[in-house]
Amino acid sequence: MIDVQTIKRVVPAKLWPYLGAVRRWLRTLPPRPQRGKQRLLPDASLSEDERTLLNKVNSRIYYNDGMYHGDGLHYFKVGLSAIKCINEALESAG
Protein backbone atom coordinates (compact mmCIF):
# COMPACT_ATOMS: atom_id res chain seq x y z
CA MET A 1 0.00 0.00 0.00
CA ILE A 2 1.33 3.42 -0.94
CA ASP A 3 1.78 5.95 1.86
CA VAL A 4 0.05 9.34 1.55
CA GLN A 5 3.33 11.17 2.19
CA THR A 6 4.95 9.28 -0.70
CA ILE A 7 2.17 10.39 -3.03
CA LYS A 8 2.46 14.01 -1.84
CA ARG A 9 6.14 14.05 -2.79
CA VAL A 10 5.26 13.05 -6.36
CA VAL A 11 1.97 14.86 -6.98
CA PRO A 12 1.82 18.69 -7.22
CA ALA A 13 0.31 20.40 -4.16
CA LYS A 14 -2.57 21.91 -6.14
CA LEU A 15 -3.88 18.36 -6.78
CA TRP A 16 -3.82 17.25 -3.14
CA PRO A 17 -7.45 18.25 -2.38
CA TYR A 18 -8.62 16.16 -5.33
CA LEU A 19 -6.59 13.18 -4.14
CA GLY A 20 -8.14 13.56 -0.69
CA ALA A 21 -11.61 13.53 -2.22
CA VAL A 22 -10.77 10.39 -4.19
CA ARG A 23 -9.39 8.70 -1.05
CA ARG A 24 -12.54 9.58 0.92
CA TRP A 25 -14.71 8.33 -1.93
CA LEU A 26 -12.84 5.01 -2.10
CA ARG A 27 -13.21 4.49 1.65
CA THR A 28 -17.00 4.88 1.40
CA LEU A 29 -17.61 2.41 -1.40
CA PRO A 30 -20.34 0.02 -0.17
CA PRO A 31 -18.19 -3.10 0.44
CA ARG A 32 -16.09 -1.42 3.13
CA PRO A 33 -18.92 -0.07 5.35
CA GLN A 34 -20.87 -3.27 4.66
CA ARG A 35 -18.07 -5.34 6.24
CA GLY A 36 -18.25 -3.21 9.38
CA LYS A 37 -22.01 -3.62 9.49
CA GLN A 38 -21.69 -7.40 9.10
CA ARG A 39 -19.14 -7.50 11.93
CA LEU A 40 -21.53 -5.58 14.20
CA LEU A 41 -24.69 -7.64 13.55
CA PRO A 42 -23.69 -10.68 15.68
CA ASP A 43 -22.63 -8.43 18.60
CA ALA A 44 -24.33 -9.72 21.78
CA SER A 45 -24.73 -6.18 23.13
CA LEU A 46 -27.29 -5.30 20.42
CA SER A 47 -30.97 -5.61 21.16
CA GLU A 48 -33.22 -7.34 18.66
CA ASP A 49 -34.69 -3.94 17.65
CA GLU A 50 -31.20 -2.56 17.00
CA ARG A 51 -30.27 -5.62 14.96
CA THR A 52 -33.47 -5.27 12.89
CA LEU A 53 -32.80 -1.57 12.30
CA LEU A 54 -29.18 -2.25 11.37
CA ASN A 55 -30.32 -4.83 8.81
CA LYS A 56 -32.54 -2.19 7.18
CA VAL A 57 -29.89 0.55 7.05
CA ASN A 58 -28.23 1.16 3.70
CA SER A 59 -24.44 0.76 3.76
CA ARG A 60 -23.80 3.60 1.32
CA ILE A 61 -22.07 6.53 2.98
CA TYR A 62 -21.63 9.97 1.47
CA TYR A 63 -17.94 10.34 0.64
CA ASN A 64 -17.70 13.68 2.40
CA ASP A 65 -19.44 12.54 5.60
CA GLY A 66 -17.32 14.11 8.32
CA MET A 67 -18.24 11.42 10.86
CA TYR A 68 -17.06 8.47 8.78
CA HIS A 69 -13.34 7.79 9.01
CA GLY A 70 -13.15 4.41 7.30
CA ASP A 71 -14.38 2.24 10.17
CA GLY A 72 -17.87 0.96 9.40
CA LEU A 73 -18.16 -0.94 12.69
CA HIS A 74 -17.57 2.22 14.73
CA TYR A 75 -19.75 4.33 12.41
CA PHE A 76 -22.80 2.08 12.75
CA LYS A 77 -22.26 1.51 16.48
CA VAL A 78 -22.21 5.26 17.13
CA GLY A 79 -25.34 5.67 14.98
CA LEU A 80 -27.20 3.05 17.00
CA SER A 81 -26.06 4.72 20.22
CA ALA A 82 -27.36 8.08 18.99
CA ILE A 83 -30.75 6.56 18.14
CA LYS A 84 -30.89 4.95 21.58
CA CYS A 85 -30.19 8.34 23.24
CA ILE A 86 -32.84 10.06 21.14
CA ASN A 87 -35.43 7.38 21.95
CA GLU A 88 -34.67 7.66 25.68
CA ALA A 89 -35.01 11.46 25.53
CA LEU A 90 -38.35 11.15 23.73
CA GLU A 91 -39.62 8.65 26.30
CA SER A 92 -38.62 10.82 29.26
CA ALA A 93 -40.19 13.90 27.64
CA GLY A 94 -43.46 12.05 27.17
PDB file of N, CA and C in Angstrom:
ATOM      1  N   MET A   1       0.846  -1.177   0.000  1.00  0.00           N
ATOM      2  CA  MET A   1       0.000   0.000   0.000  1.00  0.00           C
ATOM      3  C   MET A   1       0.892   1.241   0.000  1.00  0.00           C
ATOM      4  N   ILE A   2       0.533   2.201  -0.801  1.00  0.00           N
ATOM      5  CA  ILE A   2       1.331   3.417  -0.940  1.00  0.00           C
ATOM      6  C   ILE A   2       0.959   4.406   0.163  1.00  0.00           C
ATOM      7  N   ASP A   3       1.949   4.980   0.791  1.00  0.00           N
ATOM      8  CA  ASP A   3       1.777   5.946   1.860  1.00  0.00           C
ATOM      9  C   ASP A   3       1.368   7.304   1.272  1.00  0.00           C
ATOM     10  N   VAL A   4       0.522   8.025   1.992  1.00  0.00           N
ATOM     11  CA  VAL A   4       0.051   9.341   1.550  1.00  0.00           C
ATOM     12  C   VAL A   4       1.222  10.307   1.374  1.00  0.00           C
ATOM     13  N   GLN A   5       2.191  10.262   2.280  1.00  0.00           N
ATOM     14  CA  GLN A   5       3.335  11.168   2.192  1.00  0.00           C
ATOM     15  C   GLN A   5       4.157  10.897   0.934  1.00  0.00           C
ATOM     16  N   THR A   6       4.236   9.636   0.527  1.00  0.00           N
ATOM     17  CA  THR A   6       4.947   9.281  -0.703  1.00  0.00           C
ATOM     18  C   THR A   6       4.250   9.896  -1.906  1.00  0.00           C
ATOM     19  N   ILE A   7       2.939   9.825  -1.925  1.00  0.00           N
ATOM     20  CA  ILE A   7       2.166  10.392  -3.031  1.00  0.00           C
ATOM     21  C   ILE A   7       2.332  11.910  -3.063  1.00  0.00           C
ATOM     22  N   LYS A   8       2.323  12.546  -1.893  1.00  0.00           N
ATOM     23  CA  LYS A   8       2.456  14.011  -1.838  1.00  0.00           C
ATOM     24  C   LYS A   8       3.804  14.491  -2.361  1.00  0.00           C
ATOM     25  N   ARG A   9       4.829  13.654  -2.253  1.00  0.00           N
ATOM     26  CA  ARG A   9       6.141  14.049  -2.789  1.00  0.00           C
ATOM     27  C   ARG A   9       6.147  14.030  -4.309  1.00  0.00           C
ATOM     28  N   VAL A  10       5.274  13.226  -4.904  1.00  0.00           N
ATOM     29  CA  VAL A  10       5.261  13.054  -6.355  1.00  0.00           C
ATOM     30  C   VAL A  10       4.214  13.943  -7.035  1.00  0.00           C
ATOM     31  N   VAL A  11       3.095  14.129  -6.385  1.00  0.00           N
ATOM     32  CA  VAL A  11       1.972  14.863  -6.979  1.00  0.00           C
ATOM     33  C   VAL A  11       2.060  16.337  -6.585  1.00  0.00           C
ATOM     34  N   PRO A  12       1.804  17.248  -7.530  1.00  0.00           N
ATOM     35  CA  PRO A  12       1.825  18.686  -7.222  1.00  0.00           C
ATOM     36  C   PRO A  12       0.799  19.043  -6.141  1.00  0.00           C
ATOM     37  N   ALA A  13       1.147  20.006  -5.302  1.00  0.00           N
ATOM     38  CA  ALA A  13       0.311  20.401  -4.160  1.00  0.00           C
ATOM     39  C   ALA A  13      -1.094  20.832  -4.572  1.00  0.00           C
ATOM     40  N   LYS A  14      -1.239  21.433  -5.747  1.00  0.00           N
ATOM     41  CA  LYS A  14      -2.571  21.912  -6.143  1.00  0.00           C
ATOM     42  C   LYS A  14      -3.540  20.749  -6.408  1.00  0.00           C
ATOM     43  N   LEU A  15      -3.026  19.537  -6.558  1.00  0.00           N
ATOM     44  CA  LEU A  15      -3.884  18.365  -6.784  1.00  0.00           C
ATOM     45  C   LEU A  15      -4.225  17.617  -5.500  1.00  0.00           C
ATOM     46  N   TRP A  16      -3.598  17.964  -4.384  1.00  0.00           N
ATOM     47  CA  TRP A  16      -3.819  17.250  -3.138  1.00  0.00           C
ATOM     48  C   TRP A  16      -5.285  17.208  -2.707  1.00  0.00           C
ATOM     49  N   PRO A  17      -6.036  18.329  -2.785  1.00  0.00           N
ATOM     50  CA  PRO A  17      -7.447  18.252  -2.380  1.00  0.00           C
ATOM     51  C   PRO A  17      -8.241  17.231  -3.204  1.00  0.00           C
ATOM     52  N   TYR A  18      -7.918  17.125  -4.473  1.00  0.00           N
ATOM     53  CA  TYR A  18      -8.616  16.161  -5.328  1.00  0.00           C
ATOM     54  C   TYR A  18      -8.264  14.728  -4.931  1.00  0.00           C
ATOM     55  N   LEU A  19      -7.004  14.513  -4.590  1.00  0.00           N
ATOM     56  CA  LEU A  19      -6.588  13.184  -4.140  1.00  0.00           C
ATOM     57  C   LEU A  19      -7.277  12.819  -2.826  1.00  0.00           C
ATOM     58  N   GLY A  20      -7.427  13.807  -1.946  1.00  0.00           N
ATOM     59  CA  GLY A  20      -8.137  13.563  -0.690  1.00  0.00           C
ATOM     60  C   GLY A  20      -9.580  13.177  -0.938  1.00  0.00           C
ATOM     61  N   ALA A  21     -10.220  13.856  -1.886  1.00  0.00           N
ATOM     62  CA  ALA A  21     -11.607  13.532  -2.219  1.00  0.00           C
ATOM     63  C   ALA A  21     -11.716  12.120  -2.784  1.00  0.00           C
ATOM     64  N   VAL A  22     -10.764  11.746  -3.618  1.00  0.00           N
ATOM     65  CA  VAL A  22     -10.773  10.390  -4.189  1.00  0.00           C
ATOM     66  C   VAL A  22     -10.561   9.362  -3.082  1.00  0.00           C
ATOM     67  N   ARG A  23      -9.635   9.634  -2.159  1.00  0.00           N
ATOM     68  CA  ARG A  23      -9.386   8.705  -1.051  1.00  0.00           C
ATOM     69  C   ARG A  23     -10.632   8.536  -0.193  1.00  0.00           C
ATOM     70  N   ARG A  24     -11.310   9.659   0.123  1.00  0.00           N
ATOM     71  CA  ARG A  24     -12.536   9.577   0.919  1.00  0.00           C
ATOM     72  C   ARG A  24     -13.614   8.803   0.173  1.00  0.00           C
ATOM     73  N   TRP A  25     -13.717   9.022  -1.129  1.00  0.00           N
ATOM     74  CA  TRP A  25     -14.712   8.327  -1.935  1.00  0.00           C
ATOM     75  C   TRP A  25     -14.446   6.819  -1.936  1.00  0.00           C
ATOM     76  N   LEU A  26     -13.184   6.441  -2.092  1.00  0.00           N
ATOM     77  CA  LEU A  26     -12.845   5.012  -2.103  1.00  0.00           C
ATOM     78  C   LEU A  26     -13.163   4.349  -0.765  1.00  0.00           C
ATOM     79  N   ARG A  27     -12.936   5.069   0.333  1.00  0.00           N
ATOM     80  CA  ARG A  27     -13.213   4.492   1.653  1.00  0.00           C
ATOM     81  C   ARG A  27     -14.698   4.277   1.893  1.00  0.00           C
ATOM     82  N   THR A  28     -15.559   5.001   1.171  1.00  0.00           N
ATOM     83  CA  THR A  28     -16.999   4.885   1.404  1.00  0.00           C
ATOM     84  C   THR A  28     -17.702   3.980   0.406  1.00  0.00           C
ATOM     85  N   LEU A  29     -16.969   3.349  -0.485  1.00  0.00           N
ATOM     86  CA  LEU A  29     -17.614   2.411  -1.403  1.00  0.00           C
ATOM     87  C   LEU A  29     -18.314   1.334  -0.576  1.00  0.00           C
ATOM     88  N   PRO A  30     -19.507   0.912  -0.986  1.00  0.00           N
ATOM     89  CA  PRO A  30     -20.340   0.022  -0.165  1.00  0.00           C
ATOM     90  C   PRO A  30     -19.671  -1.218   0.439  1.00  0.00           C
ATOM     91  N   PRO A  31     -18.740  -1.907  -0.209  1.00  0.00           N
ATOM     92  CA  PRO A  31     -18.193  -3.100   0.444  1.00  0.00           C
ATOM     93  C   PRO A  31     -17.493  -2.832   1.777  1.00  0.00           C
ATOM     94  N   ARG A  32     -16.836  -1.704   1.895  1.00  0.00           N
ATOM     95  CA  ARG A  32     -16.093  -1.424   3.132  1.00  0.00           C
ATOM     96  C   ARG A  32     -17.024  -1.166   4.324  1.00  0.00           C
ATOM     97  N   PRO A  33     -17.995  -0.240   4.224  1.00  0.00           N
ATOM     98  CA  PRO A  33     -18.922  -0.068   5.351  1.00  0.00           C
ATOM     99  C   PRO A  33     -19.769  -1.328   5.591  1.00  0.00           C
ATOM    100  N   GLN A  34     -20.075  -2.050   4.528  1.00  0.00           N
ATOM    101  CA  GLN A  34     -20.875  -3.270   4.663  1.00  0.00           C
ATOM    102  C   GLN A  34     -20.156  -4.290   5.538  1.00  0.00           C
ATOM    103  N   ARG A  35     -18.844  -4.403   5.394  1.00  0.00           N
ATOM    104  CA  ARG A  35     -18.073  -5.342   6.238  1.00  0.00           C
ATOM    105  C   ARG A  35     -18.187  -4.956   7.717  1.00  0.00           C
ATOM    106  N   GLY A  36     -18.112  -3.665   7.995  1.00  0.00           N
ATOM    107  CA  GLY A  36     -18.253  -3.206   9.383  1.00  0.00           C
ATOM    108  C   GLY A  36     -19.633  -3.513   9.918  1.00  0.00           C
ATOM    109  N   LYS A  37     -20.631  -3.321   9.089  1.00  0.00           N
ATOM    110  CA  LYS A  37     -22.008  -3.620   9.492  1.00  0.00           C
ATOM    111  C   LYS A  37     -22.174  -5.115   9.764  1.00  0.00           C
ATOM    112  N   GLN A  38     -21.596  -5.955   8.918  1.00  0.00           N
ATOM    113  CA  GLN A  38     -21.691  -7.401   9.098  1.00  0.00           C
ATOM    114  C   GLN A  38     -20.946  -7.857  10.353  1.00  0.00           C
ATOM    115  N   ARG A  39     -19.866  -7.166  10.702  1.00  0.00           N
ATOM    116  CA  ARG A  39     -19.135  -7.500  11.932  1.00  0.00           C
ATOM    117  C   ARG A  39     -19.928  -7.098  13.172  1.00  0.00           C
ATOM    118  N   LEU A  40     -20.766  -6.067  13.053  1.00  0.00           N
ATOM    119  CA  LEU A  40     -21.534  -5.581  14.196  1.00  0.00           C
ATOM    120  C   LEU A  40     -22.793  -6.408  14.443  1.00  0.00           C
ATOM    121  N   LEU A  41     -23.415  -6.927  13.398  1.00  0.00           N
ATOM    122  CA  LEU A  41     -24.686  -7.639  13.548  1.00  0.00           C
ATOM    123  C   LEU A  41     -24.674  -8.762  14.590  1.00  0.00           C
ATOM    124  N   PRO A  42     -23.654  -9.605  14.669  1.00  0.00           N
ATOM    125  CA  PRO A  42     -23.688 -10.679  15.677  1.00  0.00           C
ATOM    126  C   PRO A  42     -23.318 -10.228  17.103  1.00  0.00           C
ATOM    127  N   ASP A  43     -23.028  -8.947  17.290  1.00  0.00           N
ATOM    128  CA  ASP A  43     -22.634  -8.433  18.602  1.00  0.00           C
ATOM    129  C   ASP A  43     -23.734  -8.706  19.634  1.00  0.00           C
ATOM    130  N   ALA A  44     -23.366  -9.348  20.733  1.00  0.00           N
ATOM    131  CA  ALA A  44     -24.330  -9.720  21.775  1.00  0.00           C
ATOM    132  C   ALA A  44     -24.907  -8.503  22.502  1.00  0.00           C
ATOM    133  N   SER A  45     -24.242  -7.360  22.431  1.00  0.00           N
ATOM    134  CA  SER A  45     -24.733  -6.177  23.133  1.00  0.00           C
ATOM    135  C   SER A  45     -25.905  -5.505  22.408  1.00  0.00           C
ATOM    136  N   LEU A  46     -26.174  -5.898  21.167  1.00  0.00           N
ATOM    137  CA  LEU A  46     -27.289  -5.304  20.419  1.00  0.00           C
ATOM    138  C   LEU A  46     -28.608  -5.932  20.829  1.00  0.00           C
ATOM    139  N   SER A  47     -29.621  -5.080  20.921  1.00  0.00           N
ATOM    140  CA  SER A  47     -30.966  -5.606  21.159  1.00  0.00           C
ATOM    141  C   SER A  47     -31.522  -6.109  19.826  1.00  0.00           C
ATOM    142  N   GLU A  48     -32.603  -6.821  19.891  1.00  0.00           N
ATOM    143  CA  GLU A  48     -33.216  -7.335  18.656  1.00  0.00           C
ATOM    144  C   GLU A  48     -33.712  -6.184  17.779  1.00  0.00           C
ATOM    145  N   ASP A  49     -34.231  -5.118  18.416  1.00  0.00           N
ATOM    146  CA  ASP A  49     -34.686  -3.944  17.653  1.00  0.00           C
ATOM    147  C   ASP A  49     -33.515  -3.274  16.937  1.00  0.00           C
ATOM    148  N   GLU A  50     -32.383  -3.160  17.622  1.00  0.00           N
ATOM    149  CA  GLU A  50     -31.204  -2.555  17.004  1.00  0.00           C
ATOM    150  C   GLU A  50     -30.702  -3.409  15.841  1.00  0.00           C
ATOM    151  N   ARG A  51     -30.717  -4.703  16.024  1.00  0.00           N
ATOM    152  CA  ARG A  51     -30.273  -5.618  14.960  1.00  0.00           C
ATOM    153  C   ARG A  51     -31.201  -5.506  13.738  1.00  0.00           C
ATOM    154  N   THR A  52     -32.497  -5.420  13.987  1.00  0.00           N
ATOM    155  CA  THR A  52     -33.469  -5.271  12.893  1.00  0.00           C
ATOM    156  C   THR A  52     -33.238  -3.955  12.156  1.00  0.00           C
ATOM    157  N   LEU A  53     -33.056  -2.878  12.913  1.00  0.00           N
ATOM    158  CA  LEU A  53     -32.801  -1.569  12.304  1.00  0.00           C
ATOM    159  C   LEU A  53     -31.508  -1.587  11.493  1.00  0.00           C
ATOM    160  N   LEU A  54     -30.468  -2.175  12.050  1.00  0.00           N
ATOM    161  CA  LEU A  54     -29.183  -2.245  11.366  1.00  0.00           C
ATOM    162  C   LEU A  54     -29.286  -3.023  10.060  1.00  0.00           C
ATOM    163  N   ASN A  55     -30.110  -4.061  10.046  1.00  0.00           N
ATOM    164  CA  ASN A  55     -30.325  -4.825   8.811  1.00  0.00           C
ATOM    165  C   ASN A  55     -30.983  -3.986   7.726  1.00  0.00           C
ATOM    166  N   LYS A  56     -31.813  -3.024   8.141  1.00  0.00           N
ATOM    167  CA  LYS A  56     -32.543  -2.193   7.181  1.00  0.00           C
ATOM    168  C   LYS A  56     -31.725  -1.005   6.663  1.00  0.00           C
ATOM    169  N   VAL A  57     -30.685  -0.629   7.400  1.00  0.00           N
ATOM    170  CA  VAL A  57     -29.891   0.550   7.054  1.00  0.00           C
ATOM    171  C   VAL A  57     -29.045   0.283   5.808  1.00  0.00           C
ATOM    172  N   ASN A  58     -29.052   1.241   4.901  1.00  0.00           N
ATOM    173  CA  ASN A  58     -28.228   1.156   3.701  1.00  0.00           C
ATOM    174  C   ASN A  58     -26.764   1.379   4.074  1.00  0.00           C
ATOM    175  N   SER A  59     -25.868   0.650   3.451  1.00  0.00           N
ATOM    176  CA  SER A  59     -24.438   0.763   3.758  1.00  0.00           C
ATOM    177  C   SER A  59     -23.728   1.846   2.957  1.00  0.00           C
ATOM    178  N   ARG A  60     -24.441   2.529   2.094  1.00  0.00           N
ATOM    179  CA  ARG A  60     -23.804   3.604   1.319  1.00  0.00           C
ATOM    180  C   ARG A  60     -23.606   4.804   2.219  1.00  0.00           C
ATOM    181  N   ILE A  61     -22.417   5.363   2.166  1.00  0.00           N
ATOM    182  CA  ILE A  61     -22.074   6.529   2.984  1.00  0.00           C
ATOM    183  C   ILE A  61     -21.578   7.623   2.053  1.00  0.00           C
ATOM    184  N   TYR A  62     -22.062   8.833   2.264  1.00  0.00           N
ATOM    185  CA  TYR A  62     -21.629   9.974   1.474  1.00  0.00           C
ATOM    186  C   TYR A  62     -20.135  10.164   1.659  1.00  0.00           C
ATOM    187  N   TYR A  63     -19.408  10.307   0.576  1.00  0.00           N
ATOM    188  CA  TYR A  63     -17.940  10.338   0.639  1.00  0.00           C
ATOM    189  C   TYR A  63     -17.395  11.482   1.481  1.00  0.00           C
ATOM    190  N   ASN A  64     -18.170  12.523   1.647  1.00  0.00           N
ATOM    191  CA  ASN A  64     -17.702  13.683   2.401  1.00  0.00           C
ATOM    192  C   ASN A  64     -18.329  13.743   3.793  1.00  0.00           C
ATOM    193  N   ASP A  65     -18.852  12.612   4.268  1.00  0.00           N
ATOM    194  CA  ASP A  65     -19.439  12.538   5.603  1.00  0.00           C
ATOM    195  C   ASP A  65     -18.318  12.723   6.623  1.00  0.00           C
ATOM    196  N   GLY A  66     -18.383  13.786   7.375  1.00  0.00           N
ATOM    197  CA  GLY A  66     -17.323  14.108   8.320  1.00  0.00           C
ATOM    198  C   GLY A  66     -17.231  13.162   9.508  1.00  0.00           C
ATOM    199  N   MET A  67     -18.264  12.346   9.727  1.00  0.00           N
ATOM    200  CA  MET A  67     -18.239  11.419  10.856  1.00  0.00           C
ATOM    201  C   MET A  67     -17.739  10.036  10.476  1.00  0.00           C
ATOM    202  N   TYR A  68     -17.554   9.784   9.203  1.00  0.00           N
ATOM    203  CA  TYR A  68     -17.064   8.471   8.776  1.00  0.00           C
ATOM    204  C   TYR A  68     -15.575   8.574   8.483  1.00  0.00           C
ATOM    205  N   HIS A  69     -14.788   7.757   9.181  1.00  0.00           N
ATOM    206  CA  HIS A  69     -13.339   7.786   9.011  1.00  0.00           C
ATOM    207  C   HIS A  69     -12.792   6.432   8.575  1.00  0.00           C
ATOM    208  N   GLY A  70     -13.615   5.674   7.857  1.00  0.00           N
ATOM    209  CA  GLY A  70     -13.148   4.415   7.299  1.00  0.00           C
ATOM    210  C   GLY A  70     -13.451   3.194   8.140  1.00  0.00           C
ATOM    211  N   ASP A  71     -14.063   3.366   9.298  1.00  0.00           N
ATOM    212  CA  ASP A  71     -14.376   2.242  10.174  1.00  0.00           C
ATOM    213  C   ASP A  71     -15.886   2.071  10.268  1.00  0.00           C
ATOM    214  N   GLY A  72     -16.429   1.172   9.443  1.00  0.00           N
ATOM    215  CA  GLY A  72     -17.869   0.961   9.401  1.00  0.00           C
ATOM    216  C   GLY A  72     -18.441   0.451  10.712  1.00  0.00           C
ATOM    217  N   LEU A  73     -17.703  -0.414  11.408  1.00  0.00           N
ATOM    218  CA  LEU A  73     -18.161  -0.945  12.689  1.00  0.00           C
ATOM    219  C   LEU A  73     -18.408   0.198  13.667  1.00  0.00           C
ATOM    220  N   HIS A  74     -17.437   1.081  13.814  1.00  0.00           N
ATOM    221  CA  HIS A  74     -17.567   2.220  14.726  1.00  0.00           C
ATOM    222  C   HIS A  74     -18.688   3.161  14.265  1.00  0.00           C
ATOM    223  N   TYR A  75     -18.747   3.414  12.978  1.00  0.00           N
ATOM    224  CA  TYR A  75     -19.750   4.328  12.409  1.00  0.00           C
ATOM    225  C   TYR A  75     -21.178   3.873  12.742  1.00  0.00           C
ATOM    226  N   PHE A  76     -21.456   2.594  12.502  1.00  0.00           N
ATOM    227  CA  PHE A  76     -22.804   2.083  12.749  1.00  0.00           C
ATOM    228  C   PHE A  76     -23.091   1.948  14.247  1.00  0.00           C
ATOM    229  N   LYS A  77     -22.077   1.627  15.039  1.00  0.00           N
ATOM    230  CA  LYS A  77     -22.261   1.513  16.483  1.00  0.00           C
ATOM    231  C   LYS A  77     -22.612   2.869  17.084  1.00  0.00           C
ATOM    232  N   VAL A  78     -21.929   3.908  16.640  1.00  0.00           N
ATOM    233  CA  VAL A  78     -22.209   5.262  17.130  1.00  0.00           C
ATOM    234  C   VAL A  78     -23.615   5.699  16.689  1.00  0.00           C
ATOM    235  N   GLY A  79     -23.993   5.345  15.463  1.00  0.00           N
ATOM    236  CA  GLY A  79     -25.336   5.674  14.979  1.00  0.00           C
ATOM    237  C   GLY A  79     -26.421   5.023  15.821  1.00  0.00           C
ATOM    238  N   LEU A  80     -26.229   3.751  16.151  1.00  0.00           N
ATOM    239  CA  LEU A  80     -27.201   3.053  17.001  1.00  0.00           C
ATOM    240  C   LEU A  80     -27.252   3.667  18.392  1.00  0.00           C
ATOM    241  N   SER A  81     -26.100   4.076  18.916  1.00  0.00           N
ATOM    242  CA  SER A  81     -26.056   4.717  20.223  1.00  0.00           C
ATOM    243  C   SER A  81     -26.814   6.051  20.196  1.00  0.00           C
ATOM    244  N   ALA A  82     -26.655   6.801  19.118  1.00  0.00           N
ATOM    245  CA  ALA A  82     -27.364   8.084  18.992  1.00  0.00           C
ATOM    246  C   ALA A  82     -28.874   7.863  18.951  1.00  0.00           C
ATOM    247  N   ILE A  83     -29.311   6.859  18.218  1.00  0.00           N
ATOM    248  CA  ILE A  83     -30.750   6.560  18.135  1.00  0.00           C
ATOM    249  C   ILE A  83     -31.281   6.153  19.504  1.00  0.00           C
ATOM    250  N   LYS A  84     -30.485   5.377  20.242  1.00  0.00           N
ATOM    251  CA  LYS A  84     -30.889   4.955  21.584  1.00  0.00           C
ATOM    252  C   LYS A  84     -31.048   6.179  22.499  1.00  0.00           C
ATOM    253  N   CYS A  85     -30.105   7.111  22.432  1.00  0.00           N
ATOM    254  CA  CYS A  85     -30.189   8.339  23.243  1.00  0.00           C
ATOM    255  C   CYS A  85     -31.412   9.172  22.876  1.00  0.00           C
ATOM    256  N   ILE A  86     -31.676   9.287  21.596  1.00  0.00           N
ATOM    257  CA  ILE A  86     -32.838  10.058  21.136  1.00  0.00           C
ATOM    258  C   ILE A  86     -34.129   9.416  21.619  1.00  0.00           C
ATOM    259  N   ASN A  87     -34.226   8.091  21.490  1.00  0.00           N
ATOM    260  CA  ASN A  87     -35.430   7.384  21.951  1.00  0.00           C
ATOM    261  C   ASN A  87     -35.632   7.546  23.451  1.00  0.00           C
ATOM    262  N   GLU A  88     -34.554   7.476  24.236  1.00  0.00           N
ATOM    263  CA  GLU A  88     -34.667   7.657  25.678  1.00  0.00           C
ATOM    264  C   GLU A  88     -35.115   9.073  26.033  1.00  0.00           C
ATOM    265  N   ALA A  89     -34.602  10.062  25.296  1.00  0.00           N
ATOM    266  CA  ALA A  89     -35.014  11.455  25.526  1.00  0.00           C
ATOM    267  C   ALA A  89     -36.484  11.649  25.192  1.00  0.00           C
ATOM    268  N   LEU A  90     -36.931  11.041  24.109  1.00  0.00           N
ATOM    269  CA  LEU A  90     -38.346  11.151  23.733  1.00  0.00           C
ATOM    270  C   LEU A  90     -39.246  10.482  24.763  1.00  0.00           C
ATOM    271  N   GLU A  91     -38.819   9.339  25.289  1.00  0.00           N
ATOM    272  CA  GLU A  91     -39.618   8.646  26.302  1.00  0.00           C
ATOM    273  C   GLU A  91     -39.705   9.462  27.589  1.00  0.00           C
ATOM    274  N   SER A  92     -38.608  10.044  28.010  1.00  0.00           N
ATOM    275  CA  SER A  92     -38.622  10.821  29.255  1.00  0.00           C
ATOM    276  C   SER A  92     -39.384  12.136  29.090  1.00  0.00           C
ATOM    277  N   ALA A  93     -39.448  12.650  27.871  1.00  0.00           N
ATOM    278  CA  ALA A  93     -40.186  13.897  27.638  1.00  0.00           C
ATOM    279  C   ALA A  93     -41.679  13.651  27.509  1.00  0.00           C
ATOM    280  N   GLY A  94     -42.040  12.389  27.286  1.00  0.00           N
ATOM    281  CA  GLY A  94     -43.459  12.052  27.171  1.00  0.00           C
ATOM    282  C   GLY A  94     -43.953  12.391  25.796  1.00  0.00           C
TER     283      GLY A  94
END
